[in-house]
Amino acid sequence: MPALTKTGQLRELEGRQKSLFRLVELSVTLNSTLDLDELLQLITATATELLECEAASILLYDEKNPRLYFAAATGSDPEKLAEIPVPIDSSLAGTIFRTNQPLVLNNAEHDPRHYSLVADHIKFKINSLLGVPMPIKDRTMGVLEAVNKKEGGFTDSDVAVLSVIAAHAAIAINNARLLQSTQKALEKVKVSNQIKSNFLSIASHELRTPLGIIIGYATFLQENAKGDSSDHANQVLGAASQMHALLDQMSNLTLLQSDSMEMRPMKVSIQDVLNFALDEIKYTAARRDLQLVLAFEESPIFVNVDAEKTTLAFVNLLNNAIRFSPVGSNITIGAVQYDKQVQIWVQDQGIGIPVDKLQKIFEEFYQIEPPNTRSYGGLGIGLTIAKGLIEAQGGKIWAESEGEGRGSTFKVLLSRVNN
């Protein structure tokens, strides 16, 4: 008799050890699996194995339509099961969900809460049932059920094992759902960005032809007109040139977004790049009586960049400084070399940037001012283009400001090459 008892205890210990090993194994697998369908099948298969029963099922709560639905079940088509709504107020699963307590029924068929529609639908007779809630933080996300114990009835030990499985399963399912929702959101953003890029590309392309005609006629009128007519032609030509610059910005942004902008790096002095940029904006600065202060030495500092694209980046930075500077103020353009780097800056005495907006100003189409009360022009993409062009060449760009009304400084860091 003692030998039999000892053998029974050994079998029980071996069974517990096997269960613990499988639970640890399940936990590791669940934490490394983010495919929801794969998770659901793994959970039901493990529950069926450890509880030595015929089947297991997962019912999840539908927040949009307050009910439970079958997300997975052993040997059943989850899509067909999902069509069956399981009422919360008059079913066994609903009772477990509402009370947040395990439920053991070793004669489930005769329980008035037994929801026979499911059994009839899948042609599966339920004799015994164990169900436990699936907790996640401060709520219950569903119910995990095991049905038809192969030998005897469900025990307290079975309740403990299934509860552990349910707790791990709830966390894993929640993580998989979060991943799915994030992927869907990213896909929507991707589609939205593609639509926006297509629009920018088409708009800039379609507007170039009529704009070219306007510029051609305005140039012709300017050359032949006198007095007021000449002034009018100048205004038309200035407005058309401004629109042409906006179209160029739209095209550049589209190229950056599509990663199709080709870079042709070459050894060039940063002073030459800055002088090219200054030549392009000096007339715009002069119209606002702005003084361009140069703070870089004549001795060349060489960098390996695409001269044209890098010039464009600094033109955008300078135009930004011009747009937000008061008439008659200074704009400083400087450059200094360090050990293996060159730092370039564009400093204005303009409206400044709130500290919490120093990163956001580089986002495309972002404007600090409300759109309905804007005092300054621009599409809000010049800084985005400058950032894209600099970073595409391994450089860094950032903004500094002591706050509104105190000016701003845009700094660029590029790698220096030997003379």
Foldseek 3Di string as FASTA:
>chain_A
DVVVVVVVVVVVVVLVVVLVVVLVVLLVVLVVDLAQVVLQVSLFVSLCVSLVFDKKWWWFADPVPGFIFTCDMPPDDRVVRRVDTHHLPQAPFNVCQVVQAKDWDQALVPDRSHDCVSCVVVVHDFGIKIKGFQDDDPHTGTIMMGTGRPDDGDDPVSNVSSRSSSPSSSVSNVSSVVVVVVVVVVVVVVVVVVVVLVVLVVVLVVVPVVLVVQLVVLVVQCVPDDDPSNVVSVVSNVVSVVVNVQSVLSVLVSCLVVVNDDWDWDKDFVVVLQVVLCVVCVVVLVVLQEAEAEAEDPPTWIATTRSVLLSLLVNLVVVVQSQFAHRNWYWYWYWDDDDFKIKIKIWGQGFWDAPVCFVVLLDFQDDPDDPVDDPTDDRSHSSVSSQSRQVVQVKHKTKDTPHTRGIIMIMIMGTTDDD
